[in-house]
Amino acid sequence: MTSVAATEDRRTSTAVVELVARVDEVDPIALEPLYDAIDPDTLDSISNPSSGFRSLSFRYAGWLVTVDSREGGLEIALSEPASPDGAVTDVPDAESSL
């Protein structure tokens, strides 16, 4: 699984796009718009501790994106979407502090 922590200095939506672009080795501009998968403003707003948010998963650019609430922030992880048999294939470990 590839993951990155979202910070107060980086919007969650921006961190998702940058992580997918880095893993796919493409320019973020080359990716499909995030709003085709999820409303970026909603994604950003759930990072507010008062939202009650704990975890969210959605598909974007061929990945299963999972955003988890962690003490002190959010963790964004990518894994390959479930195959027809329901198994999820993890991306090799790699972490970054975007």
PDB file of N, CA and C in Angstrom:
ATOM      1  N   MET A   1       0.845  -1.164   0.000  1.00  0.00           N
ATOM      2  CA  MET A   1       0.000   0.000   0.000  1.00  0.00           C
ATOM      3  C   MET A   1       0.895   1.234   0.000  1.00  0.00           C
ATOM      4  N   THR A   2       0.555   2.200  -0.784  1.00  0.00           N
ATOM      5  CA  THR A   2       1.275   3.461  -0.827  1.00  0.00           C
ATOM      6  C   THR A   2       0.459   4.474  -0.055  1.00  0.00           C
ATOM      7  N   SER A   3       1.114   5.208   0.831  1.00  0.00           N
ATOM      8  CA  SER A   3       0.352   6.156   1.633  1.00  0.00           C
ATOM      9  C   SER A   3       1.131   7.433   1.858  1.00  0.00           C
ATOM     10  N   VAL A   4       0.402   8.459   2.245  1.00  0.00           N
ATOM     11  CA  VAL A   4       0.976   9.762   2.540  1.00  0.00           C
ATOM     12  C   VAL A   4       0.089  10.424   3.581  1.00  0.00           C
ATOM     13  N   ALA A   5       0.658  11.270   4.373  1.00  0.00           N
ATOM     14  CA  ALA A   5      -0.130  12.000   5.371  1.00  0.00           C
ATOM     15  C   ALA A   5      -0.535  13.349   4.802  1.00  0.00           C
ATOM     16  N   ALA A   6      -1.797  13.708   4.989  1.00  0.00           N
ATOM     17  CA  ALA A   6      -2.253  15.049   4.633  1.00  0.00           C
ATOM     18  C   ALA A   6      -1.898  15.961   5.798  1.00  0.00           C
ATOM     19  N   THR A   7      -1.584  17.197   5.503  1.00  0.00           N
ATOM     20  CA  THR A   7      -1.195  18.138   6.549  1.00  0.00           C
ATOM     21  C   THR A   7      -2.083  19.368   6.495  1.00  0.00           C
ATOM     22  N   GLU A   8      -1.952  20.215   7.500  1.00  0.00           N
ATOM     23  CA  GLU A   8      -2.718  21.463   7.509  1.00  0.00           C
ATOM     24  C   GLU A   8      -2.335  22.350   6.335  1.00  0.00           C
ATOM     25  N   ASP A   9      -1.109  22.204   5.831  1.00  0.00           N
ATOM     26  CA  ASP A   9      -0.630  23.037   4.731  1.00  0.00           C
ATOM     27  C   ASP A   9      -1.076  22.524   3.365  1.00  0.00           C
ATOM     28  N   ARG A  10      -1.601  21.319   3.306  1.00  0.00           N
ATOM     29  CA  ARG A  10      -1.986  20.731   2.028  1.00  0.00           C
ATOM     30  C   ARG A  10      -3.416  20.216   2.130  1.00  0.00           C
ATOM     31  N   ARG A  11      -4.252  20.650   1.214  1.00  0.00           N
ATOM     32  CA  ARG A  11      -5.631  20.174   1.174  1.00  0.00           C
ATOM     33  C   ARG A  11      -5.639  18.676   0.891  1.00  0.00           C
ATOM     34  N   THR A  12      -6.589  17.982   1.454  1.00  0.00           N
ATOM     35  CA  THR A  12      -6.704  16.540   1.252  1.00  0.00           C
ATOM     36  C   THR A  12      -6.863  16.220  -0.227  1.00  0.00           C
ATOM     37  N   SER A  13      -7.675  16.978  -0.929  1.00  0.00           N
ATOM     38  CA  SER A  13      -7.893  16.726  -2.358  1.00  0.00           C
ATOM     39  C   SER A  13      -6.601  16.881  -3.151  1.00  0.00           C
ATOM     40  N   THR A  14      -5.802  17.873  -2.823  1.00  0.00           N
ATOM     41  CA  THR A  14      -4.518  18.073  -3.501  1.00  0.00           C
ATOM     42  C   THR A  14      -3.570  16.924  -3.202  1.00  0.00           C
ATOM     43  N   ALA A  15      -3.535  16.478  -1.954  1.00  0.00           N
ATOM     44  CA  ALA A  15      -2.659  15.368  -1.573  1.00  0.00           C
ATOM     45  C   ALA A  15      -3.038  14.088  -2.317  1.00  0.00           C
ATOM     46  N   VAL A  16      -4.333  13.839  -2.511  1.00  0.00           N
ATOM     47  CA  VAL A  16      -4.781  12.654  -3.251  1.00  0.00           C
ATOM     48  C   VAL A  16      -4.269  12.708  -4.685  1.00  0.00           C
ATOM     49  N   VAL A  17      -4.481  13.828  -5.360  1.00  0.00           N
ATOM     50  CA  VAL A  17      -4.052  13.966  -6.756  1.00  0.00           C
ATOM     51  C   VAL A  17      -2.536  13.834  -6.869  1.00  0.00           C
ATOM     52  N   GLU A  18      -1.790  14.477  -5.974  1.00  0.00           N
ATOM     53  CA  GLU A  18      -0.328  14.404  -6.027  1.00  0.00           C
ATOM     54  C   GLU A  18       0.178  12.989  -5.774  1.00  0.00           C
ATOM     55  N   LEU A  19      -0.446  12.263  -4.859  1.00  0.00           N
ATOM     56  CA  LEU A  19      -0.027  10.894  -4.569  1.00  0.00           C
ATOM     57  C   LEU A  19      -0.280   9.983  -5.763  1.00  0.00           C
ATOM     58  N   VAL A  20      -1.458  10.065  -6.362  1.00  0.00           N
ATOM     59  CA  VAL A  20      -1.768   9.242  -7.533  1.00  0.00           C
ATOM     60  C   VAL A  20      -0.816   9.577  -8.679  1.00  0.00           C
ATOM     61  N   ALA A  21      -0.561  10.852  -8.907  1.00  0.00           N
ATOM     62  CA  ALA A  21       0.351  11.259  -9.980  1.00  0.00           C
ATOM     63  C   ALA A  21       1.757  10.720  -9.738  1.00  0.00           C
ATOM     64  N   ARG A  22       2.213  10.776  -8.493  1.00  0.00           N
ATOM     65  CA  ARG A  22       3.554  10.281  -8.172  1.00  0.00           C
ATOM     66  C   ARG A  22       3.655   8.778  -8.402  1.00  0.00           C
ATOM     67  N   VAL A  23       2.659   8.026  -7.941  1.00  0.00           N
ATOM     68  CA  VAL A  23       2.682   6.572  -8.095  1.00  0.00           C
ATOM     69  C   VAL A  23       2.575   6.183  -9.568  1.00  0.00           C
ATOM     70  N   ASP A  24       1.727   6.887 -10.319  1.00  0.00           N
ATOM     71  CA  ASP A  24       1.557   6.602 -11.746  1.00  0.00           C
ATOM     72  C   ASP A  24       2.653   7.223 -12.610  1.00  0.00           C
ATOM     73  N   GLU A  25       3.505   8.035 -11.987  1.00  0.00           N
ATOM     74  CA  GLU A  25       4.602   8.718 -12.685  1.00  0.00           C
ATOM     75  C   GLU A  25       4.089   9.554 -13.854  1.00  0.00           C
ATOM     76  N   VAL A  26       3.060  10.364 -13.558  1.00  0.00           N
ATOM     77  CA  VAL A  26       2.500  11.280 -14.548  1.00  0.00           C
ATOM     78  C   VAL A  26       2.355  12.656 -13.916  1.00  0.00           C
ATOM     79  N   ASP A  27       2.197  13.655 -14.763  1.00  0.00           N
ATOM     80  CA  ASP A  27       1.918  15.002 -14.284  1.00  0.00           C
ATOM     81  C   ASP A  27       0.493  15.022 -13.724  1.00  0.00           C
ATOM     82  N   PRO A  28       0.265  15.665 -12.590  1.00  0.00           N
ATOM     83  CA  PRO A  28      -1.096  15.715 -12.038  1.00  0.00           C
ATOM     84  C   PRO A  28      -2.137  16.237 -13.033  1.00  0.00           C
ATOM     85  N   ILE A  29      -1.719  17.113 -13.922  1.00  0.00           N
ATOM     86  CA  ILE A  29      -2.635  17.665 -14.929  1.00  0.00           C
ATOM     87  C   ILE A  29      -3.130  16.574 -15.877  1.00  0.00           C
ATOM     88  N   ALA A  30      -2.345  15.509 -16.059  1.00  0.00           N
ATOM     89  CA  ALA A  30      -2.711  14.429 -16.973  1.00  0.00           C
ATOM     90  C   ALA A  30      -3.780  13.496 -16.397  1.00  0.00           C
ATOM     91  N   LEU A  31      -4.033  13.589 -15.103  1.00  0.00           N
ATOM     92  CA  LEU A  31      -5.032  12.725 -14.470  1.00  0.00           C
ATOM     93  C   LEU A  31      -6.446  13.222 -14.747  1.00  0.00           C
ATOM     94  N   GLU A  32      -7.393  12.301 -14.663  1.00  0.00           N
ATOM     95  CA  GLU A  32      -8.795  12.701 -14.780  1.00  0.00           C
ATOM     96  C   GLU A  32      -9.130  13.639 -13.626  1.00  0.00           C
ATOM     97  N   PRO A  33     -10.081  14.529 -13.817  1.00  0.00           N
ATOM     98  CA  PRO A  33     -10.434  15.447 -12.730  1.00  0.00           C
ATOM     99  C   PRO A  33     -10.928  14.680 -11.499  1.00  0.00           C
ATOM    100  N   LEU A  34     -10.468  15.092 -10.338  1.00  0.00           N
ATOM    101  CA  LEU A  34     -10.879  14.443  -9.098  1.00  0.00           C
ATOM    102  C   LEU A  34     -12.389  14.522  -8.915  1.00  0.00           C
ATOM    103  N   TYR A  35     -13.001  15.623  -9.360  1.00  0.00           N
ATOM    104  CA  TYR A  35     -14.443  15.794  -9.175  1.00  0.00           C
ATOM    105  C   TYR A  35     -15.263  14.761  -9.935  1.00  0.00           C
ATOM    106  N   ASP A  36     -14.639  14.020 -10.884  1.00  0.00           N
ATOM    107  CA  ASP A  36     -15.348  12.916 -11.535  1.00  0.00           C
ATOM    108  C   ASP A  36     -15.532  11.741 -10.578  1.00  0.00           C
ATOM    109  N   ALA A  37     -14.722  11.694  -9.510  1.00  0.00           N
ATOM    110  CA  ALA A  37     -14.783  10.593  -8.546  1.00  0.00           C
ATOM    111  C   ALA A  37     -15.446  10.999  -7.233  1.00  0.00           C
ATOM    112  N   ILE A  38     -15.165  12.222  -6.791  1.00  0.00           N
ATOM    113  CA  ILE A  38     -15.671  12.702  -5.498  1.00  0.00           C
ATOM    114  C   ILE A  38     -15.629  14.229  -5.503  1.00  0.00           C
ATOM    115  N   ASP A  39     -16.517  14.846  -4.767  1.00  0.00           N
ATOM    116  CA  ASP A  39     -16.525  16.306  -4.665  1.00  0.00           C
ATOM    117  C   ASP A  39     -15.306  16.748  -3.846  1.00  0.00           C
ATOM    118  N   PRO A  40     -14.349  17.462  -4.461  1.00  0.00           N
ATOM    119  CA  PRO A  40     -13.141  17.872  -3.735  1.00  0.00           C
ATOM    120  C   PRO A  40     -13.423  18.713  -2.496  1.00  0.00           C
ATOM    121  N   ASP A  41     -14.429  19.579  -2.552  1.00  0.00           N
ATOM    122  CA  ASP A  41     -14.748  20.399  -1.378  1.00  0.00           C
ATOM    123  C   ASP A  41     -15.239  19.533  -0.218  1.00  0.00           C
ATOM    124  N   THR A  42     -16.030  18.526  -0.538  1.00  0.00           N
ATOM    125  CA  THR A  42     -16.487  17.597   0.500  1.00  0.00           C
ATOM    126  C   THR A  42     -15.309  16.831   1.073  1.00  0.00           C
ATOM    127  N   LEU A  43     -14.421  16.360   0.197  1.00  0.00           N
ATOM    128  CA  LEU A  43     -13.231  15.636   0.647  1.00  0.00           C
ATOM    129  C   LEU A  43     -12.393  16.509   1.574  1.00  0.00           C
ATOM    130  N   ASP A  44     -12.217  17.764   1.221  1.00  0.00           N
ATOM    131  CA  ASP A  44     -11.439  18.680   2.064  1.00  0.00           C
ATOM    132  C   ASP A  44     -12.139  18.959   3.392  1.00  0.00           C
ATOM    133  N   SER A  45     -13.455  19.074   3.362  1.00  0.00           N
ATOM    134  CA  SER A  45     -14.181  19.432   4.585  1.00  0.00           C
ATOM    135  C   SER A  45     -14.185  18.312   5.615  1.00  0.00           C
ATOM    136  N   ILE A  46     -14.055  17.067   5.187  1.00  0.00           N
ATOM    137  CA  ILE A  46     -14.090  15.978   6.158  1.00  0.00           C
ATOM    138  C   ILE A  46     -12.819  15.892   6.987  1.00  0.00           C
ATOM    139  N   SER A  47     -11.798  16.640   6.597  1.00  0.00           N
ATOM    140  CA  SER A  47     -10.572  16.644   7.398  1.00  0.00           C
ATOM    141  C   SER A  47     -10.741  17.461   8.679  1.00  0.00           C
ATOM    142  N   ASN A  48     -11.852  18.183   8.792  1.00  0.00           N
ATOM    143  CA  ASN A  48     -12.145  18.953   9.993  1.00  0.00           C
ATOM    144  C   ASN A  48     -12.513  17.987  11.119  1.00  0.00           C
ATOM    145  N   PRO A  49     -11.819  18.042  12.262  1.00  0.00           N
ATOM    146  CA  PRO A  49     -12.099  17.107  13.358  1.00  0.00           C
ATOM    147  C   PRO A  49     -13.560  17.092  13.808  1.00  0.00           C
ATOM    148  N   SER A  50     -14.255  18.201  13.680  1.00  0.00           N
ATOM    149  CA  SER A  50     -15.651  18.255  14.116  1.00  0.00           C
ATOM    150  C   SER A  50     -16.605  17.548  13.150  1.00  0.00           C
ATOM    151  N   SER A  51     -16.093  17.093  11.998  1.00  0.00           N
ATOM    152  CA  SER A  51     -16.955  16.429  11.019  1.00  0.00           C
ATOM    153  C   SER A  51     -17.361  15.028  11.459  1.00  0.00           C
ATOM    154  N   GLY A  52     -16.641  14.451  12.430  1.00  0.00           N
ATOM    155  CA  GLY A  52     -16.935  13.093  12.863  1.00  0.00           C
ATOM    156  C   GLY A  52     -16.395  12.041  11.916  1.00  0.00           C
ATOM    157  N   PHE A  53     -15.663  12.441  10.916  1.00  0.00           N
ATOM    158  CA  PHE A  53     -15.093  11.565   9.899  1.00  0.00           C
ATOM    159  C   PHE A  53     -14.081  10.598  10.498  1.00  0.00           C
ATOM    160  N   ARG A  54     -14.130   9.350  10.058  1.00  0.00           N
ATOM    161  CA  ARG A  54     -13.132   8.365  10.475  1.00  0.00           C
ATOM    162  C   ARG A  54     -12.431   7.735   9.281  1.00  0.00           C
ATOM    163  N   SER A  55     -13.192   7.343   8.263  1.00  0.00           N
ATOM    164  CA  SER A  55     -12.590   6.689   7.108  1.00  0.00           C
ATOM    165  C   SER A  55     -13.500   6.848   5.898  1.00  0.00           C
ATOM    166  N   LEU A  56     -12.883   6.960   4.722  1.00  0.00           N
ATOM    167  CA  LEU A  56     -13.611   7.115   3.471  1.00  0.00           C
ATOM    168  C   LEU A  56     -12.815   6.431   2.378  1.00  0.00           C
ATOM    169  N   SER A  57     -13.480   5.678   1.527  1.00  0.00           N
ATOM    170  CA  SER A  57     -12.824   5.051   0.377  1.00  0.00           C
ATOM    171  C   SER A  57     -13.601   5.395  -0.885  1.00  0.00           C
ATOM    172  N   PHE A  58     -12.866   5.616  -1.970  1.00  0.00           N
ATOM    173  CA  PHE A  58     -13.485   5.888  -3.261  1.00  0.00           C
ATOM    174  C   PHE A  58     -12.502   5.495  -4.353  1.00  0.00           C
ATOM    175  N   ARG A  59     -13.016   5.317  -5.562  1.00  0.00           N
ATOM    176  CA  ARG A  59     -12.168   4.963  -6.705  1.00  0.00           C
ATOM    177  C   ARG A  59     -11.781   6.235  -7.453  1.00  0.00           C
ATOM    178  N   TYR A  60     -10.501   6.292  -7.819  1.00  0.00           N
ATOM    179  CA  TYR A  60     -10.011   7.443  -8.579  1.00  0.00           C
ATOM    180  C   TYR A  60      -8.836   7.006  -9.436  1.00  0.00           C
ATOM    181  N   ALA A  61      -8.910   7.271 -10.719  1.00  0.00           N
ATOM    182  CA  ALA A  61      -7.820   7.024 -11.671  1.00  0.00           C
ATOM    183  C   ALA A  61      -7.299   5.589 -11.586  1.00  0.00           C
ATOM    184  N   GLY A  62      -8.207   4.641 -11.415  1.00  0.00           N
ATOM    185  CA  GLY A  62      -7.816   3.237 -11.379  1.00  0.00           C
ATOM    186  C   GLY A  62      -7.365   2.735 -10.020  1.00  0.00           C
ATOM    187  N   TRP A  63      -7.441   3.572  -8.992  1.00  0.00           N
ATOM    188  CA  TRP A  63      -7.005   3.206  -7.643  1.00  0.00           C
ATOM    189  C   TRP A  63      -8.180   3.209  -6.687  1.00  0.00           C
ATOM    190  N   LEU A  64      -8.055   2.419  -5.629  1.00  0.00           N
ATOM    191  CA  LEU A  64      -8.950   2.531  -4.490  1.00  0.00           C
ATOM    192  C   LEU A  64      -8.237   3.448  -3.513  1.00  0.00           C
ATOM    193  N   VAL A  65      -8.797   4.629  -3.276  1.00  0.00           N
ATOM    194  CA  VAL A  65      -8.204   5.632  -2.385  1.00  0.00           C
ATOM    195  C   VAL A  65      -8.919   5.528  -1.042  1.00  0.00           C
ATOM    196  N   THR A  66      -8.143   5.406   0.027  1.00  0.00           N
ATOM    197  CA  THR A  66      -8.707   5.355   1.371  1.00  0.00           C
ATOM    198  C   THR A  66      -8.114   6.496   2.181  1.00  0.00           C
ATOM    199  N   VAL A  67      -8.979   7.299   2.769  1.00  0.00           N
ATOM    200  CA  VAL A  67      -8.559   8.405   3.621  1.00  0.00           C
ATOM    201  C   VAL A  67      -8.992   8.042   5.039  1.00  0.00           C
ATOM    202  N   ASP A  68      -8.013   7.926   5.939  1.00  0.00           N
ATOM    203  CA  ASP A  68      -8.282   7.543   7.330  1.00  0.00           C
ATOM    204  C   ASP A  68      -7.897   8.665   8.270  1.00  0.00           C
ATOM    205  N   SER A  69      -8.743   8.878   9.253  1.00  0.00           N
ATOM    206  CA  SER A  69      -8.438   9.831  10.308  1.00  0.00           C
ATOM    207  C   SER A  69      -7.428   9.190  11.247  1.00  0.00           C
ATOM    208  N   ARG A  70      -6.349   9.895  11.495  1.00  0.00           N
ATOM    209  CA  ARG A  70      -5.303   9.437  12.412  1.00  0.00           C
ATOM    210  C   ARG A  70      -5.096  10.519  13.448  1.00  0.00           C
ATOM    211  N   GLU A  71      -4.568  10.140  14.573  1.00  0.00           N
ATOM    212  CA  GLU A  71      -4.263  11.136  15.590  1.00  0.00           C
ATOM    213  C   GLU A  71      -3.300  12.153  14.988  1.00  0.00           C
ATOM    214  N   GLY A  72      -3.690  13.391  14.977  1.00  0.00           N
ATOM    215  CA  GLY A  72      -2.833  14.433  14.442  1.00  0.00           C
ATOM    216  C   GLY A  72      -2.993  14.678  12.958  1.00  0.00           C
ATOM    217  N   GLY A  73      -3.914  14.000  12.280  1.00  0.00           N
ATOM    218  CA  GLY A  73      -4.092  14.273  10.866  1.00  0.00           C
ATOM    219  C   GLY A  73      -4.792  13.150  10.124  1.00  0.00           C
ATOM    220  N   LEU A  74      -4.567  13.113   8.822  1.00  0.00           N
ATOM    221  CA  LEU A  74      -5.176  12.128   7.944  1.00  0.00           C
ATOM    222  C   LEU A  74      -4.099  11.327   7.243  1.00  0.00           C
ATOM    223  N   GLU A  75      -4.400  10.075   6.926  1.00  0.00           N
ATOM    224  CA  GLU A  75      -3.519   9.261   6.098  1.00  0.00           C
ATOM    225  C   GLU A  75      -4.279   8.910   4.833  1.00  0.00           C
ATOM    226  N   ILE A  76      -3.624   9.076   3.700  1.00  0.00           N
ATOM    227  CA  ILE A  76      -4.216   8.756   2.407  1.00  0.00           C
ATOM    228  C   ILE A  76      -3.457   7.566   1.852  1.00  0.00           C
ATOM    229  N   ALA A  77      -4.173   6.494   1.530  1.00  0.00           N
ATOM    230  CA  ALA A  77      -3.540   5.275   1.046  1.00  0.00           C
ATOM    231  C   ALA A  77      -4.153   4.860  -0.287  1.00  0.00           C
ATOM    232  N   LEU A  78      -3.319   4.286  -1.156  1.00  0.00           N
ATOM    233  CA  LEU A  78      -3.769   3.768  -2.443  1.00  0.00           C
ATOM    234  C   LEU A  78      -3.607   2.261  -2.456  1.00  0.00           C
ATOM    235  N   SER A  79      -4.584   1.588  -3.012  1.00  0.00           N
ATOM    236  CA  SER A  79      -4.456   0.166  -3.296  1.00  0.00           C
ATOM    237  C   SER A  79      -5.199  -0.084  -4.593  1.00  0.00           C
ATOM    238  N   GLU A  80      -4.852  -1.183  -5.236  1.00  0.00           N
ATOM    239  CA  GLU A  80      -5.542  -1.500  -6.475  1.00  0.00           C
ATOM    240  C   GLU A  80      -6.961  -1.910  -6.127  1.00  0.00           C
ATOM    241  N   PRO A  81      -7.926  -1.525  -6.965  1.00  0.00           N
ATOM    242  CA  PRO A  81      -9.318  -1.877  -6.678  1.00  0.00           C
ATOM    243  C   PRO A  81      -9.499  -3.388  -6.597  1.00  0.00           C
ATOM    244  N   ALA A  82     -10.562  -3.785  -5.950  1.00  0.00           N
ATOM    245  CA  ALA A  82     -10.868  -5.204  -5.808  1.00  0.00           C
ATOM    246  C   ALA A  82     -11.030  -5.852  -7.178  1.00  0.00           C
ATOM    247  N   SER A  83     -10.525  -7.056  -7.281  1.00  0.00           N
ATOM    248  CA  SER A  83     -10.691  -7.834  -8.503  1.00  0.00           C
ATOM    249  C   SER A  83     -12.098  -8.436  -8.494  1.00  0.00           C
ATOM    250  N   PRO A  84     -12.504  -9.050  -9.598  1.00  0.00           N
ATOM    251  CA  PRO A  84     -13.850  -9.630  -9.637  1.00  0.00           C
ATOM    252  C   PRO A  84     -14.114 -10.640  -8.519  1.00  0.00           C
ATOM    253  N   ASP A  85     -13.050 -11.297  -8.015  1.00  0.00           N
ATOM    254  CA  ASP A  85     -13.249 -12.271  -6.934  1.00  0.00           C
ATOM    255  C   ASP A  85     -13.278 -11.608  -5.558  1.00  0.00           C
ATOM    256  N   GLY A  86     -13.153 -10.261  -5.521  1.00  0.00           N
ATOM    257  CA  GLY A  86     -13.259  -9.524  -4.272  1.00  0.00           C
ATOM    258  C   GLY A  86     -11.951  -9.258  -3.563  1.00  0.00           C
ATOM    259  N   ALA A  87     -10.858  -9.828  -4.050  1.00  0.00           N
ATOM    260  CA  ALA A  87      -9.560  -9.617  -3.405  1.00  0.00           C
ATOM    261  C   ALA A  87      -9.021  -8.238  -3.752  1.00  0.00           C
ATOM    262  N   VAL A  88      -8.349  -7.616  -2.795  1.00  0.00           N
ATOM    263  CA  VAL A  88      -7.708  -6.323  -3.026  1.00  0.00           C
ATOM    264  C   VAL A  88      -6.213  -6.551  -3.092  1.00  0.00           C
ATOM    265  N   THR A  89      -5.582  -6.023  -4.137  1.00  0.00           N
ATOM    266  CA  THR A  89      -4.144  -6.153  -4.302  1.00  0.00           C
ATOM    267  C   THR A  89      -3.491  -4.880  -3.818  1.00  0.00           C
ATOM    268  N   ASP A  90      -2.571  -4.991  -2.877  1.00  0.00           N
ATOM    269  CA  ASP A  90      -1.877  -3.816  -2.358  1.00  0.00           C
ATOM    270  C   ASP A  90      -0.755  -3.394  -3.280  1.00  0.00           C
ATOM    271  N   VAL A  91      -0.497  -2.096  -3.282  1.00  0.00           N
ATOM    272  CA  VAL A  91       0.636  -1.529  -3.987  1.00  0.00           C
ATOM    273  C   VAL A  91       1.846  -1.730  -3.082  1.00  0.00           C
ATOM    274  N   PRO A  92       3.043  -1.999  -3.621  1.00  0.00           N
ATOM    275  CA  PRO A  92       4.220  -2.158  -2.758  1.00  0.00           C
ATOM    276  C   PRO A  92       4.389  -0.970  -1.821  1.00  0.00           C
ATOM    277  N   ASP A  93       4.879  -1.251  -0.618  1.00  0.00           N
ATOM    278  CA  ASP A  93       5.040  -0.208   0.395  1.00  0.00           C
ATOM    279  C   ASP A  93       5.903   0.941  -0.091  1.00  0.00           C
ATOM    280  N   ALA A  94       5.446   2.129   0.175  1.00  0.00           N
ATOM    281  CA  ALA A  94       6.199   3.356  -0.078  1.00  0.00           C
ATOM    282  C   ALA A  94       5.500   4.445   0.703  1.00  0.00           C
ATOM    283  N   GLU A  95       6.250   5.196   1.455  1.00  0.00           N
ATOM    284  CA  GLU A  95       5.654   6.275   2.230  1.00  0.00           C
ATOM    285  C   GLU A  95       6.378   7.566   1.935  1.00  0.00           C
ATOM    286  N   SER A  96       5.670   8.649   2.126  1.00  0.00           N
ATOM    287  CA  SER A  96       6.237   9.958   1.873  1.00  0.00           C
ATOM    288  C   SER A  96       5.570  10.963   2.786  1.00  0.00           C
ATOM    289  N   SER A  97       6.243  12.056   2.994  1.00  0.00           N
ATOM    290  CA  SER A  97       5.649  13.135   3.783  1.00  0.00           C
ATOM    291  C   SER A  97       5.395  14.317   2.876  1.00  0.00           C
ATOM    292  N   LEU A  98       4.523  14.093   1.892  1.00  0.00           N
ATOM    293  CA  LEU A  98       4.210  15.147   0.920  1.00  0.00           C
ATOM    294  C   LEU A  98       4.008  16.443   1.581  1.00  0.00           C
TER     295      LEU A  98
END
